[in-house]
């Protein structure tokens, strides 16, 4: 699921991008978006690493976060299962 956007909406957005920027600019735009996403991911991982190092240095127990992430994952799966059955009924 990509931000609750259906396949038809993605195709329409891609069509608009091609019409606005032209097909010859698409690879350049895709490279720029990919590079930006990579930089964002690297920055996020760096912040997480610094927080973890600081917590370890100060003796803060962060093991509970794994349990929270597991619970969030289970709730997300349950919501997706429920919303999938509702979408099929509509």
PDB file of N, CA and C in Angstrom:
ATOM      1  N   UNK A   1       0.850  -1.161   0.000  1.00  0.00           N
ATOM      2  CA  UNK A   1       0.000   0.000   0.000  1.00  0.00           C
ATOM      3  C   UNK A   1       0.901   1.231   0.000  1.00  0.00           C
ATOM      4  N   UNK A   2       0.752   2.089  -0.974  1.00  0.00           N
ATOM      5  CA  UNK A   2       1.594   3.265  -1.125  1.00  0.00           C
ATOM      6  C   UNK A   2       0.776   4.515  -0.851  1.00  0.00           C
ATOM      7  N   UNK A   3       0.719   4.935   0.391  1.00  0.00           N
ATOM      8  CA  UNK A   3       0.007   6.143   0.789  1.00  0.00           C
ATOM      9  C   UNK A   3      -1.451   6.145   0.347  1.00  0.00           C
ATOM     10  N   UNK A   4      -2.080   5.007   0.330  1.00  0.00           N
ATOM     11  CA  UNK A   4      -3.488   4.859  -0.025  1.00  0.00           C
ATOM     12  C   UNK A   4      -3.780   5.341  -1.447  1.00  0.00           C
ATOM     13  N   UNK A   5      -2.808   5.193  -2.343  1.00  0.00           N
ATOM     14  CA  UNK A   5      -2.992   5.577  -3.741  1.00  0.00           C
ATOM     15  C   UNK A   5      -3.168   4.305  -4.557  1.00  0.00           C
ATOM     16  N   UNK A   6      -4.209   4.279  -5.379  1.00  0.00           N
ATOM     17  CA  UNK A   6      -4.464   3.095  -6.197  1.00  0.00           C
ATOM     18  C   UNK A   6      -3.578   3.113  -7.439  1.00  0.00           C
ATOM     19  N   UNK A   7      -3.567   2.008  -8.144  1.00  0.00           N
ATOM     20  CA  UNK A   7      -2.766   1.884  -9.354  1.00  0.00           C
ATOM     21  C   UNK A   7      -3.166   2.883 -10.421  1.00  0.00           C
ATOM     22  N   UNK A   8      -4.462   3.107 -10.575  1.00  0.00           N
ATOM     23  CA  UNK A   8      -4.947   4.057 -11.583  1.00  0.00           C
ATOM     24  C   UNK A   8      -4.482   5.478 -11.252  1.00  0.00           C
ATOM     25  N   UNK A   9      -4.480   5.828  -9.983  1.00  0.00           N
ATOM     26  CA  UNK A   9      -4.024   7.163  -9.590  1.00  0.00           C
ATOM     27  C   UNK A   9      -2.536   7.335  -9.838  1.00  0.00           C
ATOM     28  N   UNK A  10      -1.749   6.289  -9.591  1.00  0.00           N
ATOM     29  CA  UNK A  10      -0.313   6.345  -9.853  1.00  0.00           C
ATOM     30  C   UNK A  10      -0.065   6.529 -11.346  1.00  0.00           C
ATOM     31  N   UNK A  11      -0.792   5.794 -12.178  1.00  0.00           N
ATOM     32  CA  UNK A  11      -0.642   5.925 -13.627  1.00  0.00           C
ATOM     33  C   UNK A  11      -0.997   7.349 -14.057  1.00  0.00           C
ATOM     34  N   UNK A  12      -2.050   7.912 -13.512  1.00  0.00           N
ATOM     35  CA  UNK A  12      -2.456   9.277 -13.853  1.00  0.00           C
ATOM     36  C   UNK A  12      -1.380  10.280 -13.445  1.00  0.00           C
ATOM     37  N   UNK A  13      -0.812  10.110 -12.259  1.00  0.00           N
ATOM     38  CA  UNK A  13       0.261  11.004 -11.801  1.00  0.00           C
ATOM     39  C   UNK A  13       1.474  10.887 -12.714  1.00  0.00           C
ATOM     40  N   UNK A  14       1.846   9.664 -13.087  1.00  0.00           N
ATOM     41  CA  UNK A  14       2.972   9.479 -14.012  1.00  0.00           C
ATOM     42  C   UNK A  14       2.684  10.120 -15.364  1.00  0.00           C
ATOM     43  N   UNK A  15       1.454  10.010 -15.839  1.00  0.00           N
ATOM     44  CA  UNK A  15       1.060  10.645 -17.097  1.00  0.00           C
ATOM     45  C   UNK A  15       1.244  12.163 -17.008  1.00  0.00           C
ATOM     46  N   UNK A  16       0.813  12.746 -15.889  1.00  0.00           N
ATOM     47  CA  UNK A  16       0.973  14.189 -15.710  1.00  0.00           C
ATOM     48  C   UNK A  16       2.442  14.593 -15.674  1.00  0.00           C
ATOM     49  N   UNK A  17       3.260  13.797 -14.993  1.00  0.00           N
ATOM     50  CA  UNK A  17       4.692  14.094 -14.918  1.00  0.00           C
ATOM     51  C   UNK A  17       5.306  14.060 -16.314  1.00  0.00           C
ATOM     52  N   UNK A  18       4.956  13.058 -17.111  1.00  0.00           N
ATOM     53  CA  UNK A  18       5.480  12.966 -18.475  1.00  0.00           C
ATOM     54  C   UNK A  18       5.024  14.164 -19.297  1.00  0.00           C
ATOM     55  N   UNK A  19       3.781  14.562 -19.145  1.00  0.00           N
ATOM     56  CA  UNK A  19       3.263  15.691 -19.914  1.00  0.00           C
ATOM     57  C   UNK A  19       3.930  17.010 -19.505  1.00  0.00           C
ATOM     58  N   UNK A  20       4.208  17.171 -18.226  1.00  0.00           N
ATOM     59  CA  UNK A  20       4.792  18.422 -17.744  1.00  0.00           C
ATOM     60  C   UNK A  20       6.291  18.494 -18.036  1.00  0.00           C
ATOM     61  N   UNK A  21       7.019  17.431 -17.720  1.00  0.00           N
ATOM     62  CA  UNK A  21       8.476  17.471 -17.824  1.00  0.00           C
ATOM     63  C   UNK A  21       9.019  16.855 -19.101  1.00  0.00           C
ATOM     64  N   UNK A  22       8.264  16.009 -19.740  1.00  0.00           N
ATOM     65  CA  UNK A  22       8.737  15.337 -20.942  1.00  0.00           C
ATOM     66  C   UNK A  22       9.449  14.041 -20.600  1.00  0.00           C
ATOM     67  N   UNK A  23       9.415  13.111 -21.539  1.00  0.00           N
ATOM     68  CA  UNK A  23       9.989  11.784 -21.299  1.00  0.00           C
ATOM     69  C   UNK A  23      11.500  11.828 -21.139  1.00  0.00           C
ATOM     70  N   UNK A  24      12.171  12.788 -21.791  1.00  0.00           N
ATOM     71  CA  UNK A  24      13.629  12.838 -21.701  1.00  0.00           C
ATOM     72  C   UNK A  24      14.125  13.279 -20.330  1.00  0.00           C
ATOM     73  N   UNK A  25      13.300  13.942 -19.538  1.00  0.00           N
ATOM     74  CA  UNK A  25      13.687  14.394 -18.195  1.00  0.00           C
ATOM     75  C   UNK A  25      13.380  13.371 -17.099  1.00  0.00           C
ATOM     76  N   UNK A  26      12.589  12.349 -17.409  1.00  0.00           N
ATOM     77  CA  UNK A  26      12.188  11.383 -16.374  1.00  0.00           C
ATOM     78  C   UNK A  26      13.358  10.682 -15.696  1.00  0.00           C
ATOM     79  N   UNK A  27      14.356  10.175 -16.436  1.00  0.00           N
ATOM     80  CA  UNK A  27      15.472   9.510 -15.745  1.00  0.00           C
ATOM     81  C   UNK A  27      16.208  10.456 -14.790  1.00  0.00           C
ATOM     82  N   UNK A  28      16.361  11.704 -15.193  1.00  0.00           N
ATOM     83  CA  UNK A  28      17.027  12.679 -14.338  1.00  0.00           C
ATOM     84  C   UNK A  28      16.215  12.947 -13.075  1.00  0.00           C
ATOM     85  N   UNK A  29      14.914  13.071 -13.234  1.00  0.00           N
ATOM     86  CA  UNK A  29      14.026  13.296 -12.089  1.00  0.00           C
ATOM     87  C   UNK A  29      14.053  12.086 -11.164  1.00  0.00           C
ATOM     88  N   UNK A  30      13.999  10.887 -11.732  1.00  0.00           N
ATOM     89  CA  UNK A  30      14.030   9.662 -10.922  1.00  0.00           C
ATOM     90  C   UNK A  30      15.340   9.547 -10.157  1.00  0.00           C
ATOM     91  N   UNK A  31      16.453   9.878 -10.819  1.00  0.00           N
ATOM     92  CA  UNK A  31      17.749   9.834 -10.129  1.00  0.00           C
ATOM     93  C   UNK A  31      17.765  10.810  -8.965  1.00  0.00           C
ATOM     94  N   UNK A  32      17.249  12.013  -9.194  1.00  0.00           N
ATOM     95  CA  UNK A  32      17.213  13.018  -8.134  1.00  0.00           C
ATOM     96  C   UNK A  32      16.351  12.580  -6.959  1.00  0.00           C
ATOM     97  N   UNK A  33      15.179  12.001  -7.263  1.00  0.00           N
ATOM     98  CA  UNK A  33      14.314  11.507  -6.191  1.00  0.00           C
ATOM     99  C   UNK A  33      14.970  10.366  -5.429  1.00  0.00           C
ATOM    100  N   UNK A  34      15.601   9.460  -6.162  1.00  0.00           N
ATOM    101  CA  UNK A  34      16.290   8.339  -5.514  1.00  0.00           C
ATOM    102  C   UNK A  34      17.413   8.821  -4.616  1.00  0.00           C
ATOM    103  N   UNK A  35      18.188   9.777  -5.116  1.00  0.00           N
ATOM    104  CA  UNK A  35      19.293  10.323  -4.321  1.00  0.00           C
ATOM    105  C   UNK A  35      18.760  11.010  -3.066  1.00  0.00           C
ATOM    106  N   UNK A  36      17.677  11.773  -3.225  1.00  0.00           N
ATOM    107  CA  UNK A  36      17.086  12.450  -2.073  1.00  0.00           C
ATOM    108  C   UNK A  36      16.552  11.477  -1.038  1.00  0.00           C
ATOM    109  N   UNK A  37      15.909  10.411  -1.513  1.00  0.00           N
ATOM    110  CA  UNK A  37      15.386   9.398  -0.588  1.00  0.00           C
ATOM    111  C   UNK A  37      16.520   8.694   0.136  1.00  0.00           C
ATOM    112  N   UNK A  38      17.620   8.412  -0.574  1.00  0.00           N
ATOM    113  CA  UNK A  38      18.783   7.764   0.045  1.00  0.00           C
ATOM    114  C   UNK A  38      19.372   8.671   1.117  1.00  0.00           C
ATOM    115  N   UNK A  39      19.502   9.974   0.834  1.00  0.00           N
ATOM    116  CA  UNK A  39      20.044  10.910   1.812  1.00  0.00           C
ATOM    117  C   UNK A  39      19.146  10.996   3.040  1.00  0.00           C
ATOM    118  N   UNK A  40      17.844  10.998   2.830  1.00  0.00           N
ATOM    119  CA  UNK A  40      16.898  11.042   3.944  1.00  0.00           C
ATOM    120  C   UNK A  40      17.022   9.785   4.801  1.00  0.00           C
ATOM    121  N   UNK A  41      17.126   8.627   4.139  1.00  0.00           N
ATOM    122  CA  UNK A  41      17.267   7.368   4.875  1.00  0.00           C
ATOM    123  C   UNK A  41      18.573   7.345   5.655  1.00  0.00           C
ATOM    124  N   UNK A  42      19.665   7.794   5.030  1.00  0.00           N
ATOM    125  CA  UNK A  42      20.957   7.832   5.718  1.00  0.00           C
ATOM    126  C   UNK A  42      20.919   8.767   6.922  1.00  0.00           C
ATOM    127  N   UNK A  43      20.290   9.932   6.754  1.00  0.00           N
ATOM    128  CA  UNK A  43      20.188  10.883   7.861  1.00  0.00           C
ATOM    129  C   UNK A  43      19.353  10.302   9.000  1.00  0.00           C
ATOM    130  N   UNK A  44      18.275   9.618   8.654  1.00  0.00           N
ATOM    131  CA  UNK A  44      17.430   8.994   9.667  1.00  0.00           C
ATOM    132  C   UNK A  44      18.195   7.919  10.429  1.00  0.00           C
ATOM    133  N   UNK A  45      18.938   7.094   9.699  1.00  0.00           N
ATOM    134  CA  UNK A  45      19.729   6.053  10.352  1.00  0.00           C
ATOM    135  C   UNK A  45      20.819   6.651  11.231  1.00  0.00           C
ATOM    136  N   UNK A  46      21.398   7.766  10.793  1.00  0.00           N
ATOM    137  CA  UNK A  46      22.438   8.425  11.581  1.00  0.00           C
ATOM    138  C   UNK A  46      21.861   8.958  12.895  1.00  0.00           C
ATOM    139  N   UNK A  47      20.675   9.558  12.814  1.00  0.00           N
ATOM    140  CA  UNK A  47      20.027  10.073  14.029  1.00  0.00           C
ATOM    141  C   UNK A  47      19.696   8.923  14.973  1.00  0.00           C
ATOM    142  N   UNK A  48      19.161   7.832  14.422  1.00  0.00           N
ATOM    143  CA  UNK A  48      18.849   6.667  15.260  1.00  0.00           C
ATOM    144  C   UNK A  48      20.108   6.140  15.937  1.00  0.00           C
ATOM    145  N   UNK A  49      21.201   6.084  15.189  1.00  0.00           N
ATOM    146  CA  UNK A  49      22.460   5.587  15.730  1.00  0.00           C
ATOM    147  C   UNK A  49      22.964   6.485  16.859  1.00  0.00           C
ATOM    148  N   UNK A  50      22.882   7.790  16.657  1.00  0.00           N
ATOM    149  CA  UNK A  50      23.324   8.725  17.691  1.00  0.00           C
ATOM    150  C   UNK A  50      22.468   8.614  18.948  1.00  0.00           C
ATOM    151  N   UNK A  51      21.180   8.466  18.773  1.00  0.00           N
ATOM    152  CA  UNK A  51      20.291   8.308  19.929  1.00  0.00           C
ATOM    153  C   UNK A  51      20.622   7.030  20.677  1.00  0.00           C
ATOM    154  N   UNK A  52      20.846   5.936  19.935  1.00  0.00           N
ATOM    155  CA  UNK A  52      21.186   4.654  20.562  1.00  0.00           C
ATOM    156  C   UNK A  52      22.516   4.750  21.307  1.00  0.00           C
ATOM    157  N   UNK A  53      23.511   5.393  20.696  1.00  0.00           N
ATOM    158  CA  UNK A  53      24.818   5.561  21.357  1.00  0.00           C
ATOM    159  C   UNK A  53      24.678   6.373  22.636  1.00  0.00           C
ATOM    160  N   UNK A  54      23.898   7.449  22.571  1.00  0.00           N
ATOM    161  CA  UNK A  54      23.696   8.294  23.742  1.00  0.00           C
ATOM    162  C   UNK A  54      22.972   7.526  24.850  1.00  0.00           C
ATOM    163  N   UNK A  55      21.980   6.739  24.468  1.00  0.00           N
ATOM    164  CA  UNK A  55      21.243   5.947  25.455  1.00  0.00           C
ATOM    165  C   UNK A  55      22.154   4.905  26.092  1.00  0.00           C
ATOM    166  N   UNK A  56      22.963   4.250  25.269  1.00  0.00           N
ATOM    167  CA  UNK A  56      23.894   3.245  25.808  1.00  0.00           C
ATOM    168  C   UNK A  56      24.925   3.892  26.728  1.00  0.00           C
ATOM    169  N   UNK A  57      25.410   5.065  26.347  1.00  0.00           N
ATOM    170  CA  UNK A  57      26.415   5.771  27.141  1.00  0.00           C
ATOM    171  C   UNK A  57      25.864   6.176  28.504  1.00  0.00           C
ATOM    172  N   UNK A  58      24.588   6.554  28.527  1.00  0.00           N
ATOM    173  CA  UNK A  58      23.981   7.011  29.772  1.00  0.00           C
ATOM    174  C   UNK A  58      23.252   5.908  30.530  1.00  0.00           C
ATOM    175  N   UNK A  59      23.342   4.684  30.039  1.00  0.00           N
ATOM    176  CA  UNK A  59      22.752   3.551  30.742  1.00  0.00           C
ATOM    177  C   UNK A  59      21.242   3.469  30.645  1.00  0.00           C
ATOM    178  N   UNK A  60      20.676   4.018  29.602  1.00  0.00           N
ATOM    179  CA  UNK A  60      19.228   3.979  29.413  1.00  0.00           C
ATOM    180  C   UNK A  60      18.859   2.666  28.733  1.00  0.00           C
ATOM    181  N   UNK A  61      17.861   1.965  29.298  1.00  0.00           N
ATOM    182  CA  UNK A  61      17.406   0.695  28.730  1.00  0.00           C
ATOM    183  C   UNK A  61      16.430   0.974  27.588  1.00  0.00           C
ATOM    184  N   UNK A  62      16.808   0.581  26.379  1.00  0.00           N
ATOM    185  CA  UNK A  62      15.953   0.815  25.202  1.00  0.00           C
ATOM    186  C   UNK A  62      15.371  -0.480  24.654  1.00  0.00           C
ATOM    187  N   UNK A  63      15.465  -1.547  25.399  1.00  0.00           N
ATOM    188  CA  UNK A  63      14.973  -2.838  24.906  1.00  0.00           C
ATOM    189  C   UNK A  63      13.446  -2.847  24.750  1.00  0.00           C
ATOM    190  N   UNK A  64      12.751  -1.990  25.488  1.00  0.00           N
ATOM    191  CA  UNK A  64      11.290  -1.954  25.398  1.00  0.00           C
ATOM    192  C   UNK A  64      10.817  -1.470  24.033  1.00  0.00           C
ATOM    193  N   UNK A  65      11.658  -0.748  23.301  1.00  0.00           N
ATOM    194  CA  UNK A  65      11.239  -0.229  21.993  1.00  0.00           C
ATOM    195  C   UNK A  65      10.984  -1.353  21.003  1.00  0.00           C
ATOM    196  N   UNK A  66      11.718  -2.448  21.128  1.00  0.00           N
ATOM    197  CA  UNK A  66      11.501  -3.591  20.235  1.00  0.00           C
ATOM    198  C   UNK A  66      10.124  -4.199  20.472  1.00  0.00           C
ATOM    199  N   UNK A  67       9.722  -4.275  21.734  1.00  0.00           N
ATOM    200  CA  UNK A  67       8.385  -4.785  22.060  1.00  0.00           C
ATOM    201  C   UNK A  67       7.304  -3.863  21.501  1.00  0.00           C
ATOM    202  N   UNK A  68       7.528  -2.564  21.611  1.00  0.00           N
ATOM    203  CA  UNK A  68       6.558  -1.599  21.084  1.00  0.00           C
ATOM    204  C   UNK A  68       6.456  -1.721  19.572  1.00  0.00           C
ATOM    205  N   UNK A  69       7.597  -1.846  18.887  1.00  0.00           N
ATOM    206  CA  UNK A  69       7.588  -1.991  17.435  1.00  0.00           C
ATOM    207  C   UNK A  69       6.862  -3.267  17.025  1.00  0.00           C
ATOM    208  N   UNK A  70       7.036  -4.334  17.793  1.00  0.00           N
ATOM    209  CA  UNK A  70       6.346  -5.586  17.491  1.00  0.00           C
ATOM    210  C   UNK A  70       4.844  -5.413  17.633  1.00  0.00           C
ATOM    211  N   UNK A  71       4.406  -4.750  18.696  1.00  0.00           N
ATOM    212  CA  UNK A  71       2.982  -4.508  18.909  1.00  0.00           C
ATOM    213  C   UNK A  71       2.405  -3.633  17.802  1.00  0.00           C
ATOM    214  N   UNK A  72       3.139  -2.597  17.413  1.00  0.00           N
ATOM    215  CA  UNK A  72       2.676  -1.715  16.331  1.00  0.00           C
ATOM    216  C   UNK A  72       2.534  -2.505  15.033  1.00  0.00           C
ATOM    217  N   UNK A  73       3.478  -3.382  14.755  1.00  0.00           N
ATOM    218  CA  UNK A  73       3.402  -4.215  13.559  1.00  0.00           C
ATOM    219  C   UNK A  73       2.186  -5.119  13.570  1.00  0.00           C
ATOM    220  N   UNK A  74       1.876  -5.690  14.727  1.00  0.00           N
ATOM    221  CA  UNK A  74       0.709  -6.559  14.833  1.00  0.00           C
ATOM    222  C   UNK A  74      -0.583  -5.775  14.619  1.00  0.00           C
ATOM    223  N   UNK A  75      -0.662  -4.583  15.200  1.00  0.00           N
ATOM    224  CA  UNK A  75      -1.855  -3.748  15.024  1.00  0.00           C
ATOM    225  C   UNK A  75      -1.987  -3.335  13.561  1.00  0.00           C
ATOM    226  N   UNK A  76      -0.883  -2.977  12.918  1.00  0.00           N
ATOM    227  CA  UNK A  76      -0.917  -2.590  11.509  1.00  0.00           C
ATOM    228  C   UNK A  76      -1.414  -3.751  10.653  1.00  0.00           C
ATOM    229  N   UNK A  77      -0.929  -4.956  10.939  1.00  0.00           N
ATOM    230  CA  UNK A  77      -1.378  -6.129  10.187  1.00  0.00           C
ATOM    231  C   UNK A  77      -2.872  -6.373  10.373  1.00  0.00           C
ATOM    232  N   UNK A  78      -3.345  -6.226  11.613  1.00  0.00           N
ATOM    233  CA  UNK A  78      -4.772  -6.421  11.878  1.00  0.00           C
ATOM    234  C   UNK A  78      -5.621  -5.377  11.149  1.00  0.00           C
ATOM    235  N   UNK A  79      -5.146  -4.136  11.139  1.00  0.00           N
ATOM    236  CA  UNK A  79      -5.888  -3.075  10.442  1.00  0.00           C
ATOM    237  C   UNK A  79      -5.909  -3.348   8.948  1.00  0.00           C
ATOM    238  N   UNK A  80      -4.792  -3.778   8.382  1.00  0.00           N
ATOM    239  CA  UNK A  80      -4.742  -4.086   6.952  1.00  0.00           C
ATOM    240  C   UNK A  80      -5.664  -5.250   6.612  1.00  0.00           C
ATOM    241  N   UNK A  81      -5.694  -6.267   7.481  1.00  0.00           N
ATOM    242  CA  UNK A  81      -6.599  -7.391   7.254  1.00  0.00           C
ATOM    243  C   UNK A  81      -8.053  -6.922   7.281  1.00  0.00           C
ATOM    244  N   UNK A  82      -8.387  -6.085   8.270  1.00  0.00           N
ATOM    245  CA  UNK A  82      -9.753  -5.590   8.394  1.00  0.00           C
ATOM    246  C   UNK A  82     -10.124  -4.696   7.218  1.00  0.00           C
ATOM    247  N   UNK A  83      -9.235  -3.772   6.876  1.00  0.00           N
ATOM    248  CA  UNK A  83      -9.556  -2.851   5.778  1.00  0.00           C
ATOM    249  C   UNK A  83      -9.619  -3.591   4.446  1.00  0.00           C
ATOM    250  N   UNK A  84      -8.849  -4.655   4.299  1.00  0.00           N
ATOM    251  CA  UNK A  84      -8.923  -5.451   3.081  1.00  0.00           C
ATOM    252  C   UNK A  84     -10.270  -6.121   2.937  1.00  0.00           C
ATOM    253  N   UNK A  85     -10.805  -6.635   4.047  1.00  0.00           N
ATOM    254  CA  UNK A  85     -12.114  -7.288   3.966  1.00  0.00           C
ATOM    255  C   UNK A  85     -13.220  -6.258   3.724  1.00  0.00           C
ATOM    256  N   UNK A  86     -13.070  -5.058   4.261  1.00  0.00           N
ATOM    257  CA  UNK A  86     -14.062  -4.007   4.036  1.00  0.00           C
ATOM    258  C   UNK A  86     -14.015  -3.561   2.578  1.00  0.00           C
ATOM    259  N   UNK A  87     -12.834  -3.410   2.009  1.00  0.00           N
ATOM    260  CA  UNK A  87     -12.704  -2.995   0.606  1.00  0.00           C
ATOM    261  C   UNK A  87     -13.328  -4.030  -0.331  1.00  0.00           C
ATOM    262  N   UNK A  88     -13.138  -5.307  -0.008  1.00  0.00           N
ATOM    263  CA  UNK A  88     -13.704  -6.354  -0.851  1.00  0.00           C
ATOM    264  C   UNK A  88     -15.222  -6.346  -0.821  1.00  0.00           C
ATOM    265  N   UNK A  89     -15.792  -5.978   0.322  1.00  0.00           N
ATOM    266  CA  UNK A  89     -17.242  -5.957   0.446  1.00  0.00           C
ATOM    267  C   UNK A  89     -17.855  -4.756  -0.259  1.00  0.00           C
ATOM    268  N   UNK A  90     -17.082  -3.694  -0.403  1.00  0.00           N
ATOM    269  CA  UNK A  90     -17.607  -2.498  -1.069  1.00  0.00           C
ATOM    270  C   UNK A  90     -17.570  -2.755  -2.539  1.00  0.00           C
TER     271      UNK A  90
END
